[in-house]
Amino acid sequence: MLLDKIMKKRKSSLQYQYLQTGPKNGWAMKSDLYAKCPQCGYYMSLDPTQSDECPCGNLFKDCNFGRFGARTGDETIEIYRKKKAL
């Protein structure tokens, strides 16, 4: 069971290119960017038209009120870009 979780996480990490941790002059909300929850590893789309919350409830995005962050602090959020398929 634990091995399955590790393999699934490893596979998902190969699909994304790491860009930065924490906000650099604010957050960029673009459909090709993703935020990774530092607790559960969920990749959340930063599409500005979609609200979302990770399974553990740490990472949240509310497009109606322009809120985005993590209960663990913004400096813990990693930002990624999804890699294009070859």
N, C-alpha and C. Protein backbone atom coordinates (compact mmCIF):
# COMPACT_ATOMS: atom_id res chain seq x y z
N MET A 1 0.82 -1.20 0.00
CA MET A 1 0.00 0.00 0.00
C MET A 1 0.87 1.26 0.00
N LEU A 2 1.86 1.30 0.89
CA LEU A 2 2.75 2.45 0.95
C LEU A 2 3.56 2.57 -0.33
N LEU A 3 3.99 1.43 -0.88
CA LEU A 3 4.75 1.43 -2.13
C LEU A 3 3.92 2.01 -3.27
N ASP A 4 2.62 1.69 -3.32
CA ASP A 4 1.73 2.24 -4.34
C ASP A 4 1.66 3.76 -4.25
N LYS A 5 1.57 4.30 -3.04
CA LYS A 5 1.50 5.75 -2.84
C LYS A 5 2.80 6.42 -3.28
N ILE A 6 3.93 5.79 -2.95
CA ILE A 6 5.23 6.34 -3.34
C ILE A 6 5.38 6.36 -4.86
N MET A 7 4.99 5.27 -5.52
CA MET A 7 5.10 5.18 -6.98
C MET A 7 4.17 6.19 -7.66
N LYS A 8 2.97 6.37 -7.14
CA LYS A 8 2.02 7.32 -7.71
C LYS A 8 2.56 8.75 -7.57
N LYS A 9 3.13 9.07 -6.41
CA LYS A 9 3.70 10.40 -6.19
C LYS A 9 4.90 10.64 -7.10
N ARG A 10 5.75 9.62 -7.27
CA ARG A 10 6.92 9.74 -8.14
C ARG A 10 6.49 9.98 -9.59
N LYS A 11 5.46 9.26 -10.04
CA LYS A 11 4.95 9.42 -11.41
C LYS A 11 4.40 10.82 -11.63
N SER A 12 3.63 11.35 -10.66
CA SER A 12 3.06 12.69 -10.83
C SER A 12 4.16 13.75 -10.81
N SER A 13 5.21 13.54 -10.03
CA SER A 13 6.28 14.55 -9.99
C SER A 13 7.05 14.61 -11.31
N LEU A 14 7.04 13.55 -12.11
CA LEU A 14 7.72 13.55 -13.40
C LEU A 14 6.95 14.36 -14.44
N GLN A 15 5.68 14.64 -14.19
CA GLN A 15 4.84 15.36 -15.13
C GLN A 15 4.93 16.88 -14.96
N TYR A 16 5.60 17.35 -13.90
CA TYR A 16 5.63 18.78 -13.59
C TYR A 16 7.06 19.28 -13.47
N GLN A 17 7.27 20.52 -13.90
CA GLN A 17 8.59 21.16 -13.80
C GLN A 17 8.53 22.17 -12.66
N TYR A 18 9.42 22.02 -11.68
CA TYR A 18 9.47 22.92 -10.54
C TYR A 18 9.91 24.32 -10.98
N LEU A 19 9.23 25.36 -10.48
CA LEU A 19 9.58 26.75 -10.81
C LEU A 19 10.08 27.52 -9.59
N GLN A 20 9.35 27.46 -8.46
CA GLN A 20 9.72 28.26 -7.29
C GLN A 20 8.95 27.80 -6.07
N THR A 21 9.40 28.26 -4.91
CA THR A 21 8.67 28.04 -3.66
C THR A 21 8.28 29.40 -3.11
N GLY A 22 7.02 29.55 -2.74
CA GLY A 22 6.51 30.81 -2.20
C GLY A 22 6.26 31.83 -3.29
N PRO A 23 5.57 32.92 -2.90
CA PRO A 23 5.27 33.96 -3.89
C PRO A 23 6.48 34.83 -4.19
N LYS A 24 6.70 35.08 -5.42
CA LYS A 24 7.74 36.03 -5.85
C LYS A 24 6.99 37.24 -6.42
N ASN A 25 6.88 38.28 -5.65
CA ASN A 25 6.13 39.47 -6.07
C ASN A 25 4.67 39.14 -6.35
N GLY A 26 4.07 38.32 -5.50
CA GLY A 26 2.67 37.93 -5.66
C GLY A 26 2.55 36.62 -6.41
N TRP A 27 1.32 36.10 -6.47
CA TRP A 27 1.06 34.84 -7.14
C TRP A 27 0.63 35.08 -8.58
N ALA A 28 1.11 34.26 -9.49
CA ALA A 28 0.68 34.29 -10.88
C ALA A 28 -0.40 33.23 -11.05
N MET A 29 -1.59 33.66 -11.41
CA MET A 29 -2.69 32.72 -11.64
C MET A 29 -2.83 32.49 -13.14
N LYS A 30 -2.34 31.35 -13.61
CA LYS A 30 -2.38 30.98 -15.02
C LYS A 30 -2.76 29.52 -15.13
N SER A 31 -3.47 29.18 -16.20
CA SER A 31 -3.96 27.81 -16.35
C SER A 31 -2.86 26.78 -16.56
N ASP A 32 -1.64 27.19 -16.92
CA ASP A 32 -0.56 26.22 -17.11
C ASP A 32 0.31 26.06 -15.86
N LEU A 33 -0.05 26.74 -14.77
CA LEU A 33 0.70 26.63 -13.53
C LEU A 33 -0.07 25.81 -12.50
N TYR A 34 0.69 25.18 -11.59
CA TYR A 34 0.11 24.34 -10.55
C TYR A 34 0.80 24.62 -9.23
N ALA A 35 0.05 24.57 -8.15
CA ALA A 35 0.60 24.69 -6.81
C ALA A 35 0.55 23.32 -6.17
N LYS A 36 1.62 22.96 -5.48
CA LYS A 36 1.67 21.65 -4.82
C LYS A 36 1.49 21.84 -3.31
N CYS A 37 0.55 21.11 -2.75
CA CYS A 37 0.33 21.17 -1.30
C CYS A 37 1.53 20.56 -0.59
N PRO A 38 2.11 21.28 0.38
CA PRO A 38 3.27 20.75 1.09
C PRO A 38 2.94 19.60 2.04
N GLN A 39 1.65 19.40 2.33
CA GLN A 39 1.27 18.32 3.24
C GLN A 39 0.87 17.04 2.52
N CYS A 40 -0.04 17.14 1.53
CA CYS A 40 -0.56 15.92 0.90
C CYS A 40 -0.02 15.70 -0.52
N GLY A 41 0.69 16.68 -1.10
CA GLY A 41 1.28 16.52 -2.42
C GLY A 41 0.33 16.73 -3.58
N TYR A 42 -0.87 17.23 -3.31
CA TYR A 42 -1.87 17.48 -4.35
C TYR A 42 -1.42 18.63 -5.25
N TYR A 43 -1.55 18.44 -6.57
CA TYR A 43 -1.23 19.48 -7.53
C TYR A 43 -2.52 20.21 -7.90
N MET A 44 -2.62 21.48 -7.54
CA MET A 44 -3.80 22.29 -7.78
C MET A 44 -3.56 23.22 -8.97
N SER A 45 -4.47 23.20 -9.93
CA SER A 45 -4.37 24.11 -11.07
C SER A 45 -4.52 25.55 -10.58
N LEU A 46 -3.71 26.44 -11.12
CA LEU A 46 -3.82 27.85 -10.78
C LEU A 46 -4.63 28.61 -11.82
N ASP A 47 -5.52 27.90 -12.51
CA ASP A 47 -6.46 28.53 -13.44
C ASP A 47 -7.29 29.52 -12.63
N PRO A 48 -7.29 30.80 -13.02
CA PRO A 48 -7.98 31.82 -12.23
C PRO A 48 -9.51 31.71 -12.24
N THR A 49 -10.06 30.83 -13.07
CA THR A 49 -11.52 30.70 -13.15
C THR A 49 -12.05 29.53 -12.33
N GLN A 50 -11.18 28.78 -11.65
CA GLN A 50 -11.60 27.59 -10.91
C GLN A 50 -11.22 27.69 -9.44
N SER A 51 -12.18 27.42 -8.56
CA SER A 51 -11.90 27.30 -7.13
C SER A 51 -11.52 25.85 -6.85
N ASP A 52 -10.70 25.63 -5.82
CA ASP A 52 -10.26 24.27 -5.51
C ASP A 52 -9.75 24.23 -4.08
N GLU A 53 -9.65 23.03 -3.55
CA GLU A 53 -9.06 22.79 -2.24
C GLU A 53 -8.43 21.40 -2.28
N CYS A 54 -7.27 21.25 -1.67
CA CYS A 54 -6.60 19.94 -1.68
C CYS A 54 -7.33 18.99 -0.73
N PRO A 55 -7.10 17.68 -0.87
CA PRO A 55 -7.78 16.70 -0.03
C PRO A 55 -7.57 16.87 1.47
N CYS A 56 -6.40 17.36 1.90
CA CYS A 56 -6.15 17.52 3.33
C CYS A 56 -6.66 18.86 3.87
N GLY A 57 -7.10 19.76 2.97
CA GLY A 57 -7.64 21.05 3.40
C GLY A 57 -6.62 22.12 3.68
N ASN A 58 -5.34 21.85 3.44
CA ASN A 58 -4.29 22.83 3.69
C ASN A 58 -4.22 23.90 2.60
N LEU A 59 -4.29 23.50 1.35
CA LEU A 59 -4.15 24.41 0.21
C LEU A 59 -5.53 24.75 -0.34
N PHE A 60 -5.80 26.04 -0.55
CA PHE A 60 -7.13 26.44 -1.02
C PHE A 60 -7.03 27.58 -2.03
N LYS A 61 -8.03 27.62 -2.93
CA LYS A 61 -8.12 28.71 -3.91
C LYS A 61 -9.60 29.02 -4.12
N ASP A 62 -9.96 30.27 -3.89
CA ASP A 62 -11.34 30.74 -4.06
C ASP A 62 -11.33 31.82 -5.13
N CYS A 63 -11.74 31.46 -6.35
CA CYS A 63 -11.68 32.41 -7.46
C CYS A 63 -12.71 33.52 -7.32
N ASN A 64 -13.80 33.29 -6.61
CA ASN A 64 -14.83 34.31 -6.45
C ASN A 64 -14.37 35.48 -5.58
N PHE A 65 -13.52 35.21 -4.60
CA PHE A 65 -13.05 36.24 -3.68
C PHE A 65 -11.56 36.54 -3.83
N GLY A 66 -10.90 35.88 -4.80
CA GLY A 66 -9.49 36.15 -5.06
C GLY A 66 -8.57 35.70 -3.94
N ARG A 67 -8.91 34.61 -3.28
CA ARG A 67 -8.09 34.11 -2.17
C ARG A 67 -7.33 32.86 -2.61
N PHE A 68 -6.08 32.79 -2.17
CA PHE A 68 -5.25 31.61 -2.43
C PHE A 68 -4.20 31.54 -1.34
N GLY A 69 -3.96 30.35 -0.83
CA GLY A 69 -2.93 30.20 0.18
C GLY A 69 -2.93 28.82 0.80
N ALA A 70 -2.09 28.68 1.82
CA ALA A 70 -1.98 27.42 2.55
C ALA A 70 -1.99 27.73 4.03
N ARG A 71 -2.63 26.87 4.77
CA ARG A 71 -2.67 27.05 6.22
C ARG A 71 -1.27 26.94 6.83
N THR A 72 -0.36 26.25 6.14
CA THR A 72 1.03 26.13 6.59
C THR A 72 1.87 27.36 6.22
N GLY A 73 1.27 28.31 5.50
CA GLY A 73 1.97 29.54 5.10
C GLY A 73 2.31 29.55 3.62
N ASP A 74 2.22 30.71 3.02
CA ASP A 74 2.48 30.85 1.58
C ASP A 74 3.89 30.41 1.19
N GLU A 75 4.85 30.60 2.08
CA GLU A 75 6.24 30.26 1.76
C GLU A 75 6.46 28.75 1.65
N THR A 76 5.45 27.94 1.99
CA THR A 76 5.59 26.48 1.88
C THR A 76 5.04 25.94 0.57
N ILE A 77 4.39 26.78 -0.23
CA ILE A 77 3.75 26.34 -1.48
C ILE A 77 4.77 26.30 -2.61
N GLU A 78 4.87 25.15 -3.27
CA GLU A 78 5.74 25.00 -4.43
C GLU A 78 4.92 25.22 -5.69
N ILE A 79 5.50 25.92 -6.67
CA ILE A 79 4.82 26.21 -7.94
C ILE A 79 5.50 25.42 -9.05
N TYR A 80 4.66 24.82 -9.91
CA TYR A 80 5.13 23.98 -11.01
C TYR A 80 4.42 24.36 -12.31
N ARG A 81 5.02 23.97 -13.41
CA ARG A 81 4.39 24.06 -14.73
C ARG A 81 4.29 22.63 -15.25
N LYS A 82 3.14 22.28 -15.80
CA LYS A 82 2.96 20.93 -16.33
C LYS A 82 3.81 20.77 -17.58
N LYS A 83 4.55 19.67 -17.67
CA LYS A 83 5.41 19.40 -18.81
C LYS A 83 4.55 18.97 -19.99
N LYS A 84 4.94 19.38 -21.17
CA LYS A 84 4.23 18.99 -22.39
C LYS A 84 4.57 17.56 -22.74
N ALA A 85 3.56 16.84 -23.20
CA ALA A 85 3.77 15.45 -23.60
C ALA A 85 4.65 15.40 -24.85
N LEU A 86 5.50 14.39 -24.90
CA LEU A 86 6.40 14.25 -26.05
C LEU A 86 5.73 13.52 -27.17
